[in-house]
Amino acid sequence: MKRKKEPTSIQDVLAQLAHETELGRQLEQAQIWSRWPEIAGPRLFEHGRPHGIRDNVLFVEADSPVWMHKFAYRKWDLVRRINKIAGHELISDIFLVLSDDAGEDESQDNV
């Protein structure tokens, strides 16, 4: 007589899906957004934010050219932190972009 297979736990099913599906990869990448203050650190996280990921390259939007330079100086440290959180190479590079509202006058109401 054949023995019935033990039921698989939901935790095991979700872990398998996370490793084997596109949805799992996207959930893993979403950690970058939720843990951005920890990844970027107290000085950087307020002046730049993750914008998107394409081909393992994280696009980070910076507030100004000065902050783009500061992010560029720290980008390999950021890549290392992200990959350490993921436990493998999730991001291979960071591409910096300037925020669309960078340099705009804050008070246009007085015109």
PDB file of N, CA and C in Angstrom:
ATOM      1  N   MET A   1       0.828  -1.173   0.000  1.00  0.00           N
ATOM      2  CA  MET A   1       0.000   0.000   0.000  1.00  0.00           C
ATOM      3  C   MET A   1       0.889   1.259   0.000  1.00  0.00           C
ATOM      4  N   LYS A   2       0.511   2.231  -0.850  1.00  0.00           N
ATOM      5  CA  LYS A   2       1.285   3.469  -0.928  1.00  0.00           C
ATOM      6  C   LYS A   2       0.936   4.389   0.228  1.00  0.00           C
ATOM      7  N   ARG A   3       1.976   5.035   0.706  1.00  0.00           N
ATOM      8  CA  ARG A   3       1.789   6.010   1.771  1.00  0.00           C
ATOM      9  C   ARG A   3       1.468   7.373   1.164  1.00  0.00           C
ATOM     10  N   LYS A   4       0.546   8.082   1.745  1.00  0.00           N
ATOM     11  CA  LYS A   4       0.203   9.404   1.245  1.00  0.00           C
ATOM     12  C   LYS A   4       1.333  10.384   1.528  1.00  0.00           C
ATOM     13  N   LYS A   5       1.529  11.280   0.575  1.00  0.00           N
ATOM     14  CA  LYS A   5       2.548  12.316   0.733  1.00  0.00           C
ATOM     15  C   LYS A   5       2.107  13.307   1.812  1.00  0.00           C
ATOM     16  N   GLU A   6       3.053  13.719   2.632  1.00  0.00           N
ATOM     17  CA  GLU A   6       2.761  14.691   3.681  1.00  0.00           C
ATOM     18  C   GLU A   6       2.337  16.014   3.040  1.00  0.00           C
ATOM     19  N   PRO A   7       1.388  16.715   3.631  1.00  0.00           N
ATOM     20  CA  PRO A   7       0.982  18.009   3.082  1.00  0.00           C
ATOM     21  C   PRO A   7       2.124  19.026   3.180  1.00  0.00           C
ATOM     22  N   THR A   8       2.158  19.885   2.191  1.00  0.00           N
ATOM     23  CA  THR A   8       3.175  20.936   2.162  1.00  0.00           C
ATOM     24  C   THR A   8       2.624  22.161   2.868  1.00  0.00           C
ATOM     25  N   SER A   9       3.444  22.777   3.681  1.00  0.00           N
ATOM     26  CA  SER A   9       2.985  23.963   4.407  1.00  0.00           C
ATOM     27  C   SER A   9       2.886  25.152   3.455  1.00  0.00           C
ATOM     28  N   ILE A  10       2.030  26.087   3.799  1.00  0.00           N
ATOM     29  CA  ILE A  10       1.877  27.318   3.018  1.00  0.00           C
ATOM     30  C   ILE A  10       3.206  28.056   2.949  1.00  0.00           C
ATOM     31  N   GLN A  11       3.941  28.067   4.035  1.00  0.00           N
ATOM     32  CA  GLN A  11       5.236  28.742   4.078  1.00  0.00           C
ATOM     33  C   GLN A  11       6.190  28.146   3.033  1.00  0.00           C
ATOM     34  N   ASP A  12       6.200  26.826   2.915  1.00  0.00           N
ATOM     35  CA  ASP A  12       7.059  26.175   1.934  1.00  0.00           C
ATOM     36  C   ASP A  12       6.619  26.484   0.503  1.00  0.00           C
ATOM     37  N   VAL A  13       5.307  26.517   0.274  1.00  0.00           N
ATOM     38  CA  VAL A  13       4.780  26.830  -1.057  1.00  0.00           C
ATOM     39  C   VAL A  13       5.157  28.256  -1.438  1.00  0.00           C
ATOM     40  N   LEU A  14       4.964  29.198  -0.511  1.00  0.00           N
ATOM     41  CA  LEU A  14       5.303  30.596  -0.794  1.00  0.00           C
ATOM     42  C   LEU A  14       6.799  30.779  -1.017  1.00  0.00           C
ATOM     43  N   ALA A  15       7.606  30.084  -0.253  1.00  0.00           N
ATOM     44  CA  ALA A  15       9.056  30.171  -0.441  1.00  0.00           C
ATOM     45  C   ALA A  15       9.450  29.649  -1.816  1.00  0.00           C
ATOM     46  N   GLN A  16       8.843  28.568  -2.245  1.00  0.00           N
ATOM     47  CA  GLN A  16       9.130  28.016  -3.571  1.00  0.00           C
ATOM     48  C   GLN A  16       8.698  28.991  -4.660  1.00  0.00           C
ATOM     49  N   LEU A  17       7.516  29.576  -4.524  1.00  0.00           N
ATOM     50  CA  LEU A  17       7.046  30.557  -5.498  1.00  0.00           C
ATOM     51  C   LEU A  17       7.959  31.780  -5.547  1.00  0.00           C
ATOM     52  N   ALA A  18       8.439  32.199  -4.402  1.00  0.00           N
ATOM     53  CA  ALA A  18       9.317  33.369  -4.347  1.00  0.00           C
ATOM     54  C   ALA A  18      10.617  33.134  -5.107  1.00  0.00           C
ATOM     55  N   HIS A  19      11.093  31.905  -5.107  1.00  0.00           N
ATOM     56  CA  HIS A  19      12.357  31.598  -5.769  1.00  0.00           C
ATOM     57  C   HIS A  19      12.195  31.259  -7.244  1.00  0.00           C
ATOM     58  N   GLU A  20      11.008  30.858  -7.653  1.00  0.00           N
ATOM     59  CA  GLU A  20      10.853  30.303  -8.993  1.00  0.00           C
ATOM     60  C   GLU A  20       9.968  31.107  -9.940  1.00  0.00           C
ATOM     61  N   THR A  21       9.351  32.199  -9.474  1.00  0.00           N
ATOM     62  CA  THR A  21       8.423  32.914 -10.342  1.00  0.00           C
ATOM     63  C   THR A  21       8.788  34.394 -10.462  1.00  0.00           C
ATOM     64  N   GLU A  22       8.251  35.024 -11.484  1.00  0.00           N
ATOM     65  CA  GLU A  22       8.443  36.461 -11.684  1.00  0.00           C
ATOM     66  C   GLU A  22       7.851  37.253 -10.522  1.00  0.00           C
ATOM     67  N   LEU A  23       6.705  36.820 -10.043  1.00  0.00           N
ATOM     68  CA  LEU A  23       6.087  37.485  -8.902  1.00  0.00           C
ATOM     69  C   LEU A  23       7.013  37.439  -7.688  1.00  0.00           C
ATOM     70  N   GLY A  24       7.633  36.318  -7.468  1.00  0.00           N
ATOM     71  CA  GLY A  24       8.575  36.194  -6.357  1.00  0.00           C
ATOM     72  C   GLY A  24       9.739  37.148  -6.493  1.00  0.00           C
ATOM     73  N   ARG A  25      10.243  37.286  -7.715  1.00  0.00           N
ATOM     74  CA  ARG A  25      11.357  38.212  -7.959  1.00  0.00           C
ATOM     75  C   ARG A  25      10.917  39.651  -7.697  1.00  0.00           C
ATOM     76  N   GLN A  26       9.699  39.989  -8.119  1.00  0.00           N
ATOM     77  CA  GLN A  26       9.186  41.336  -7.896  1.00  0.00           C
ATOM     78  C   GLN A  26       8.971  41.612  -6.408  1.00  0.00           C
ATOM     79  N   LEU A  27       8.508  40.616  -5.675  1.00  0.00           N
ATOM     80  CA  LEU A  27       8.350  40.788  -4.231  1.00  0.00           C
ATOM     81  C   LEU A  27       9.702  40.992  -3.554  1.00  0.00           C
ATOM     82  N   GLU A  28      10.687  40.269  -4.039  1.00  0.00           N
ATOM     83  CA  GLU A  28      12.033  40.419  -3.490  1.00  0.00           C
ATOM     84  C   GLU A  28      12.569  41.817  -3.783  1.00  0.00           C
ATOM     85  N   GLN A  29      12.344  42.307  -4.995  1.00  0.00           N
ATOM     86  CA  GLN A  29      12.792  43.651  -5.362  1.00  0.00           C
ATOM     87  C   GLN A  29      12.046  44.720  -4.566  1.00  0.00           C
ATOM     88  N   ALA A  30      10.802  44.459  -4.198  1.00  0.00           N
ATOM     89  CA  ALA A  30      10.009  45.427  -3.435  1.00  0.00           C
ATOM     90  C   ALA A  30      10.631  45.730  -2.077  1.00  0.00           C
ATOM     91  N   GLN A  31      11.468  44.832  -1.580  1.00  0.00           N
ATOM     92  CA  GLN A  31      12.163  45.086  -0.315  1.00  0.00           C
ATOM     93  C   GLN A  31      13.036  46.326  -0.406  1.00  0.00           C
ATOM     94  N   ILE A  32      13.520  46.634  -1.604  1.00  0.00           N
ATOM     95  CA  ILE A  32      14.366  47.818  -1.775  1.00  0.00           C
ATOM     96  C   ILE A  32      13.573  49.061  -1.376  1.00  0.00           C
ATOM     97  N   TRP A  33      12.311  49.149  -1.799  1.00  0.00           N
ATOM     98  CA  TRP A  33      11.480  50.305  -1.465  1.00  0.00           C
ATOM     99  C   TRP A  33      11.170  50.333   0.023  1.00  0.00           C
ATOM    100  N   SER A  34      10.760  49.201   0.566  1.00  0.00           N
ATOM    101  CA  SER A  34      10.352  49.179   1.969  1.00  0.00           C
ATOM    102  C   SER A  34      11.524  49.358   2.931  1.00  0.00           C
ATOM    103  N   ARG A  35      12.727  49.001   2.496  1.00  0.00           N
ATOM    104  CA  ARG A  35      13.897  49.113   3.385  1.00  0.00           C
ATOM    105  C   ARG A  35      14.850  50.213   2.939  1.00  0.00           C
ATOM    106  N   TRP A  36      14.372  51.132   2.093  1.00  0.00           N
ATOM    107  CA  TRP A  36      15.234  52.185   1.554  1.00  0.00           C
ATOM    108  C   TRP A  36      15.930  53.019   2.639  1.00  0.00           C
ATOM    109  N   PRO A  37      15.254  53.443   3.711  1.00  0.00           N
ATOM    110  CA  PRO A  37      15.977  54.201   4.745  1.00  0.00           C
ATOM    111  C   PRO A  37      17.163  53.433   5.324  1.00  0.00           C
ATOM    112  N   GLU A  38      16.998  52.146   5.525  1.00  0.00           N
ATOM    113  CA  GLU A  38      18.090  51.298   6.038  1.00  0.00           C
ATOM    114  C   GLU A  38      19.199  51.138   4.996  1.00  0.00           C
ATOM    115  N   ILE A  39      18.826  50.969   3.745  1.00  0.00           N
ATOM    116  CA  ILE A  39      19.805  50.756   2.675  1.00  0.00           C
ATOM    117  C   ILE A  39      20.611  52.029   2.410  1.00  0.00           C
ATOM    118  N   ALA A  40      19.911  53.145   2.238  1.00  0.00           N
ATOM    119  CA  ALA A  40      20.579  54.393   1.859  1.00  0.00           C
ATOM    120  C   ALA A  40      21.237  55.089   3.041  1.00  0.00           C
ATOM    121  N   GLY A  41      20.720  54.861   4.226  1.00  0.00           N
ATOM    122  CA  GLY A  41      21.278  55.525   5.397  1.00  0.00           C
ATOM    123  C   GLY A  41      20.576  56.844   5.682  1.00  0.00           C
ATOM    124  N   PRO A  42      20.803  57.391   6.865  1.00  0.00           N
ATOM    125  CA  PRO A  42      20.046  58.561   7.320  1.00  0.00           C
ATOM    126  C   PRO A  42      20.262  59.829   6.491  1.00  0.00           C
ATOM    127  N   ARG A  43      21.411  59.994   5.883  1.00  0.00           N
ATOM    128  CA  ARG A  43      21.664  61.226   5.115  1.00  0.00           C
ATOM    129  C   ARG A  43      21.175  61.133   3.678  1.00  0.00           C
ATOM    130  N   LEU A  44      21.310  59.966   3.060  1.00  0.00           N
ATOM    131  CA  LEU A  44      20.963  59.848   1.644  1.00  0.00           C
ATOM    132  C   LEU A  44      19.480  59.605   1.380  1.00  0.00           C
ATOM    133  N   PHE A  45      18.815  58.836   2.225  1.00  0.00           N
ATOM    134  CA  PHE A  45      17.474  58.376   1.877  1.00  0.00           C
ATOM    135  C   PHE A  45      16.482  59.517   1.687  1.00  0.00           C
ATOM    136  N   GLU A  46      16.704  60.653   2.314  1.00  0.00           N
ATOM    137  CA  GLU A  46      15.790  61.781   2.172  1.00  0.00           C
ATOM    138  C   GLU A  46      15.973  62.521   0.853  1.00  0.00           C
ATOM    139  N   HIS A  47      17.072  62.263   0.141  1.00  0.00           N
ATOM    140  CA  HIS A  47      17.400  63.031  -1.064  1.00  0.00           C
ATOM    141  C   HIS A  47      17.409  62.187  -2.336  1.00  0.00           C
ATOM    142  N   GLY A  48      16.949  60.962  -2.235  1.00  0.00           N
ATOM    143  CA  GLY A  48      16.863  60.096  -3.400  1.00  0.00           C
ATOM    144  C   GLY A  48      15.985  58.907  -3.086  1.00  0.00           C
ATOM    145  N   ARG A  49      15.388  58.353  -4.130  1.00  0.00           N
ATOM    146  CA  ARG A  49      14.485  57.227  -3.922  1.00  0.00           C
ATOM    147  C   ARG A  49      14.584  56.258  -5.078  1.00  0.00           C
ATOM    148  N   PRO A  50      14.350  54.978  -4.815  1.00  0.00           N
ATOM    149  CA  PRO A  50      14.329  54.014  -5.906  1.00  0.00           C
ATOM    150  C   PRO A  50      13.206  54.367  -6.873  1.00  0.00           C
ATOM    151  N   HIS A  51      13.491  54.267  -8.145  1.00  0.00           N
ATOM    152  CA  HIS A  51      12.507  54.650  -9.156  1.00  0.00           C
ATOM    153  C   HIS A  51      12.017  53.439  -9.954  1.00  0.00           C
ATOM    154  N   GLY A  52      12.894  52.459 -10.158  1.00  0.00           N
ATOM    155  CA  GLY A  52      12.528  51.267 -10.898  1.00  0.00           C
ATOM    156  C   GLY A  52      13.728  50.360 -11.069  1.00  0.00           C
ATOM    157  N   ILE A  53      13.473  49.167 -11.587  1.00  0.00           N
ATOM    158  CA  ILE A  53      14.535  48.190 -11.832  1.00  0.00           C
ATOM    159  C   ILE A  53      14.339  47.629 -13.228  1.00  0.00           C
ATOM    160  N   ARG A  54      15.425  47.614 -13.994  1.00  0.00           N
ATOM    161  CA  ARG A  54      15.393  46.986 -15.321  1.00  0.00           C
ATOM    162  C   ARG A  54      16.719  46.273 -15.535  1.00  0.00           C
ATOM    163  N   ASP A  55      16.643  45.007 -15.919  1.00  0.00           N
ATOM    164  CA  ASP A  55      17.840  44.189 -16.179  1.00  0.00           C
ATOM    165  C   ASP A  55      18.826  44.233 -15.016  1.00  0.00           C
ATOM    166  N   ASN A  56      18.299  44.086 -13.799  1.00  0.00           N
ATOM    167  CA  ASN A  56      19.094  44.075 -12.564  1.00  0.00           C
ATOM    168  C   ASN A  56      19.783  45.402 -12.263  1.00  0.00           C
ATOM    169  N   VAL A  57      19.379  46.473 -12.936  1.00  0.00           N
ATOM    170  CA  VAL A  57      19.918  47.807 -12.670  1.00  0.00           C
ATOM    171  C   VAL A  57      18.832  48.603 -11.944  1.00  0.00           C
ATOM    172  N   LEU A  58      19.196  49.111 -10.761  1.00  0.00           N
ATOM    173  CA  LEU A  58      18.285  49.926  -9.972  1.00  0.00           C
ATOM    174  C   LEU A  58      18.420  51.377 -10.416  1.00  0.00           C
ATOM    175  N   PHE A  59      17.296  51.996 -10.761  1.00  0.00           N
ATOM    176  CA  PHE A  59      17.281  53.411 -11.109  1.00  0.00           C
ATOM    177  C   PHE A  59      16.920  54.189  -9.851  1.00  0.00           C
ATOM    178  N   VAL A  60      17.780  55.134  -9.484  1.00  0.00           N
ATOM    179  CA  VAL A  60      17.560  55.954  -8.295  1.00  0.00           C
ATOM    180  C   VAL A  60      17.397  57.397  -8.742  1.00  0.00           C
ATOM    181  N   GLU A  61      16.328  58.018  -8.286  1.00  0.00           N
ATOM    182  CA  GLU A  61      16.015  59.399  -8.613  1.00  0.00           C
ATOM    183  C   GLU A  61      16.549  60.289  -7.490  1.00  0.00           C
ATOM    184  N   ALA A  62      17.436  61.217  -7.827  1.00  0.00           N
ATOM    185  CA  ALA A  62      18.042  62.110  -6.837  1.00  0.00           C
ATOM    186  C   ALA A  62      17.422  63.503  -6.920  1.00  0.00           C
ATOM    187  N   ASP A  63      17.422  64.218  -5.795  1.00  0.00           N
ATOM    188  CA  ASP A  63      16.801  65.530  -5.697  1.00  0.00           C
ATOM    189  C   ASP A  63      17.528  66.633  -6.467  1.00  0.00           C
ATOM    190  N   SER A  64      18.856  66.520  -6.587  1.00  0.00           N
ATOM    191  CA  SER A  64      19.633  67.582  -7.218  1.00  0.00           C
ATOM    192  C   SER A  64      20.933  66.992  -7.764  1.00  0.00           C
ATOM    193  N   PRO A  65      21.639  67.751  -8.602  1.00  0.00           N
ATOM    194  CA  PRO A  65      22.938  67.266  -9.093  1.00  0.00           C
ATOM    195  C   PRO A  65      23.931  66.976  -7.961  1.00  0.00           C
ATOM    196  N   VAL A  66      23.876  67.772  -6.908  1.00  0.00           N
ATOM    197  CA  VAL A  66      24.770  67.546  -5.762  1.00  0.00           C
ATOM    198  C   VAL A  66      24.484  66.185  -5.134  1.00  0.00           C
ATOM    199  N   TRP A  67      23.200  65.871  -4.949  1.00  0.00           N
ATOM    200  CA  TRP A  67      22.838  64.585  -4.350  1.00  0.00           C
ATOM    201  C   TRP A  67      23.097  63.436  -5.315  1.00  0.00           C
ATOM    202  N   MET A  68      22.995  63.672  -6.615  1.00  0.00           N
ATOM    203  CA  MET A  68      23.373  62.630  -7.594  1.00  0.00           C
ATOM    204  C   MET A  68      24.837  62.254  -7.408  1.00  0.00           C
ATOM    205  N   HIS A  69      25.665  63.268  -7.217  1.00  0.00           N
ATOM    206  CA  HIS A  69      27.102  63.023  -7.017  1.00  0.00           C
ATOM    207  C   HIS A  69      27.339  62.221  -5.731  1.00  0.00           C
ATOM    208  N   LYS A  70      26.620  62.570  -4.677  1.00  0.00           N
ATOM    209  CA  LYS A  70      26.791  61.845  -3.410  1.00  0.00           C
ATOM    210  C   LYS A  70      26.328  60.393  -3.541  1.00  0.00           C
ATOM    211  N   PHE A  71      25.215  60.179  -4.265  1.00  0.00           N
ATOM    212  CA  PHE A  71      24.771  58.804  -4.513  1.00  0.00           C
ATOM    213  C   PHE A  71      25.786  58.055  -5.370  1.00  0.00           C
ATOM    214  N   ALA A  72      26.345  58.720  -6.367  1.00  0.00           N
ATOM    215  CA  ALA A  72      27.337  58.074  -7.234  1.00  0.00           C
ATOM    216  C   ALA A  72      28.551  57.628  -6.418  1.00  0.00           C
ATOM    217  N   TYR A  73      28.956  58.437  -5.474  1.00  0.00           N
ATOM    218  CA  TYR A  73      30.093  58.107  -4.624  1.00  0.00           C
ATOM    219  C   TYR A  73      29.812  56.863  -3.780  1.00  0.00           C
ATOM    220  N   ARG A  74      28.558  56.659  -3.393  1.00  0.00           N
ATOM    221  CA  ARG A  74      28.195  55.545  -2.506  1.00  0.00           C
ATOM    222  C   ARG A  74      27.513  54.383  -3.213  1.00  0.00           C
ATOM    223  N   LYS A  75      27.410  54.425  -4.554  1.00  0.00           N
ATOM    224  CA  LYS A  75      26.565  53.452  -5.249  1.00  0.00           C
ATOM    225  C   LYS A  75      26.993  52.003  -5.038  1.00  0.00           C
ATOM    226  N   TRP A  76      28.284  51.711  -5.002  1.00  0.00           N
ATOM    227  CA  TRP A  76      28.712  50.316  -4.835  1.00  0.00           C
ATOM    228  C   TRP A  76      28.430  49.820  -3.425  1.00  0.00           C
ATOM    229  N   ASP A  77      28.447  50.722  -2.460  1.00  0.00           N
ATOM    230  CA  ASP A  77      28.057  50.359  -1.100  1.00  0.00           C
ATOM    231  C   ASP A  77      26.560  50.044  -1.064  1.00  0.00           C
ATOM    232  N   LEU A  78      25.756  50.831  -1.796  1.00  0.00           N
ATOM    233  CA  LEU A  78      24.314  50.581  -1.858  1.00  0.00           C
ATOM    234  C   LEU A  78      24.015  49.240  -2.527  1.00  0.00           C
ATOM    235  N   VAL A  79      24.724  48.952  -3.616  1.00  0.00           N
ATOM    236  CA  VAL A  79      24.548  47.659  -4.304  1.00  0.00           C
ATOM    237  C   VAL A  79      24.884  46.517  -3.348  1.00  0.00           C
ATOM    238  N   ARG A  80      25.976  46.658  -2.636  1.00  0.00           N
ATOM    239  CA  ARG A  80      26.393  45.626  -1.684  1.00  0.00           C
ATOM    240  C   ARG A  80      25.338  45.430  -0.590  1.00  0.00           C
ATOM    241  N   ARG A  81      24.784  46.514  -0.066  1.00  0.00           N
ATOM    242  CA  ARG A  81      23.765  46.415   0.992  1.00  0.00           C
ATOM    243  C   ARG A  81      22.495  45.723   0.484  1.00  0.00           C
ATOM    244  N   ILE A  82      22.064  46.097  -0.717  1.00  0.00           N
ATOM    245  CA  ILE A  82      20.863  45.483  -1.294  1.00  0.00           C
ATOM    246  C   ILE A  82      21.066  43.991  -1.479  1.00  0.00           C
ATOM    247  N   ASN A  83      22.210  43.619  -2.042  1.00  0.00           N
ATOM    248  CA  ASN A  83      22.487  42.206  -2.303  1.00  0.00           C
ATOM    249  C   ASN A  83      22.669  41.411  -1.013  1.00  0.00           C
ATOM    250  N   LYS A  84      23.168  42.064   0.019  1.00  0.00           N
ATOM    251  CA  LYS A  84      23.301  41.388   1.315  1.00  0.00           C
ATOM    252  C   LYS A  84      21.917  41.094   1.901  1.00  0.00           C
ATOM    253  N   ILE A  85      21.010  42.044   1.784  1.00  0.00           N
ATOM    254  CA  ILE A  85      19.638  41.843   2.262  1.00  0.00           C
ATOM    255  C   ILE A  85      18.976  40.705   1.490  1.00  0.00           C
ATOM    256  N   ALA A  86      19.180  40.691   0.163  1.00  0.00           N
ATOM    257  CA  ALA A  86      18.563  39.668  -0.685  1.00  0.00           C
ATOM    258  C   ALA A  86      19.207  38.296  -0.493  1.00  0.00           C
ATOM    259  N   GLY A  87      20.466  38.269  -0.116  1.00  0.00           N
ATOM    260  CA  GLY A  87      21.166  37.001   0.036  1.00  0.00           C
ATOM    261  C   GLY A  87      21.781  36.492  -1.257  1.00  0.00           C
ATOM    262  N   HIS A  88      21.697  37.293  -2.306  1.00  0.00           N
ATOM    263  CA  HIS A  88      22.302  36.963  -3.608  1.00  0.00           C
ATOM    264  C   HIS A  88      22.341  38.244  -4.437  1.00  0.00           C
ATOM    265  N   GLU A  89      22.889  38.165  -5.648  1.00  0.00           N
ATOM    266  CA  GLU A  89      22.981  39.368  -6.474  1.00  0.00           C
ATOM    267  C   GLU A  89      21.628  39.694  -7.090  1.00  0.00           C
ATOM    268  N   LEU A  90      20.918  40.598  -6.462  1.00  0.00           N
ATOM    269  CA  LEU A  90      19.628  41.069  -6.945  1.00  0.00           C
ATOM    270  C   LEU A  90      19.821  42.276  -7.865  1.00  0.00           C
ATOM    271  N   ILE A  91      20.784  43.131  -7.514  1.00  0.00           N
ATOM    272  CA  ILE A  91      21.101  44.351  -8.265  1.00  0.00           C
ATOM    273  C   ILE A  91      22.568  44.293  -8.670  1.00  0.00           C
ATOM    274  N   SER A  92      22.839  44.579  -9.953  1.00  0.00           N
ATOM    275  CA  SER A  92      24.227  44.568 -10.416  1.00  0.00           C
ATOM    276  C   SER A  92      24.804  45.968 -10.568  1.00  0.00           C
ATOM    277  N   ASP A  93      23.938  46.983 -10.634  1.00  0.00           N
ATOM    278  CA  ASP A  93      24.417  48.353 -10.815  1.00  0.00           C
ATOM    279  C   ASP A  93      23.311  49.321 -10.415  1.00  0.00           C
ATOM    280  N   ILE A  94      23.675  50.585 -10.265  1.00  0.00           N
ATOM    281  CA  ILE A  94      22.713  51.650  -9.996  1.00  0.00           C
ATOM    282  C   ILE A  94      22.904  52.728 -11.049  1.00  0.00           C
ATOM    283  N   PHE A  95      21.789  53.171 -11.621  1.00  0.00           N
ATOM    284  CA  PHE A  95      21.803  54.255 -12.594  1.00  0.00           C
ATOM    285  C   PHE A  95      21.074  55.424 -11.950  1.00  0.00           C
ATOM    286  N   LEU A  96      21.725  56.570 -11.907  1.00  0.00           N
ATOM    287  CA  LEU A  96      21.159  57.731 -11.233  1.00  0.00           C
ATOM    288  C   LEU A  96      20.480  58.652 -12.229  1.00  0.00           C
ATOM    289  N   VAL A  97      19.305  59.140 -11.851  1.00  0.00           N
ATOM    290  CA  VAL A  97      18.564  60.093 -12.667  1.00  0.00           C
ATOM    291  C   VAL A  97      18.190  61.274 -11.781  1.00  0.00           C
ATOM    292  N   LEU A  98      18.052  62.422 -12.416  1.00  0.00           N
ATOM    293  CA  LEU A  98      17.680  63.629 -11.698  1.00  0.00           C
ATOM    294  C   LEU A  98      16.163  63.704 -11.605  1.00  0.00           C
ATOM    295  N   SER A  99      15.663  64.026 -10.438  1.00  0.00           N
ATOM    296  CA  SER A  99      14.222  64.149 -10.233  1.00  0.00           C
ATOM    297  C   SER A  99      13.646  65.191 -11.178  1.00  0.00           C
ATOM    298  N   ASP A 100      12.436  64.934 -11.679  1.00  0.00           N
ATOM    299  CA  ASP A 100      11.777  65.870 -12.591  1.00  0.00           C
ATOM    300  C   ASP A 100      11.561  67.235 -11.961  1.00  0.00           C
ATOM    301  N   ASP A 101      11.324  67.282 -10.660  1.00  0.00           N
ATOM    302  CA  ASP A 101      11.074  68.565 -10.009  1.00  0.00           C
ATOM    303  C   ASP A 101      12.329  69.182  -9.404  1.00  0.00           C
ATOM    304  N   ALA A 102      13.508  68.631  -9.683  1.00  0.00           N
ATOM    305  CA  ALA A 102      14.757  69.191  -9.173  1.00  0.00           C
ATOM    306  C   ALA A 102      14.993  70.553  -9.814  1.00  0.00           C
ATOM    307  N   GLY A 103      15.289  71.523  -8.999  1.00  0.00           N
ATOM    308  CA  GLY A 103      15.611  72.845  -9.502  1.00  0.00           C
ATOM    309  C   GLY A 103      14.411  73.741  -9.739  1.00  0.00           C
ATOM    310  N   GLU A 104      13.193  73.230  -9.589  1.00  0.00           N
ATOM    311  CA  GLU A 104      12.017  74.077  -9.746  1.00  0.00           C
ATOM    312  C   GLU A 104      11.891  75.003  -8.549  1.00  0.00           C
ATOM    313  N   ASP A 105      11.411  76.211  -8.795  1.00  0.00           N
ATOM    314  CA  ASP A 105      11.171  77.139  -7.691  1.00  0.00           C
ATOM    315  C   ASP A 105      10.060  76.582  -6.831  1.00  0.00           C
ATOM    316  N   GLU A 106      10.263  76.620  -5.529  1.00  0.00           N
ATOM    317  CA  GLU A 106       9.283  76.063  -4.618  1.00  0.00           C
ATOM    318  C   GLU A 106       8.059  76.947  -4.497  1.00  0.00           C
ATOM    319  N   SER A 107       8.213  78.245  -4.645  1.00  0.00           N
ATOM    320  CA  SER A 107       7.062  79.133  -4.467  1.00  0.00           C
ATOM    321  C   SER A 107       6.762  79.867  -5.760  1.00  0.00           C
ATOM    322  N   GLN A 108       5.917  79.310  -6.559  1.00  0.00           N
ATOM    323  CA  GLN A 108       5.469  79.928  -7.804  1.00  0.00           C
ATOM    324  C   GLN A 108       4.215  80.762  -7.555  1.00  0.00           C
ATOM    325  N   ASP A 109       3.671  80.704  -6.354  1.00  0.00           N
ATOM    326  CA  ASP A 109       2.425  81.397  -6.046  1.00  0.00           C
ATOM    327  C   ASP A 109       2.593  82.910  -5.986  1.00  0.00           C
ATOM    328  N   ASN A 110       3.787  83.391  -5.730  1.00  0.00           N
ATOM    329  CA  ASN A 110       4.029  84.822  -5.578  1.00  0.00           C
ATOM    330  C   ASN A 110       4.246  85.531  -6.899  1.00  0.00           C
ATOM    331  N   VAL A 111       4.039  84.888  -8.022  1.00  0.00           N
ATOM    332  CA  VAL A 111       4.279  85.480  -9.330  1.00  0.00           C
ATOM    333  C   VAL A 111       3.174  86.427  -9.694  1.00  0.00           C
TER     334      VAL A 111
END
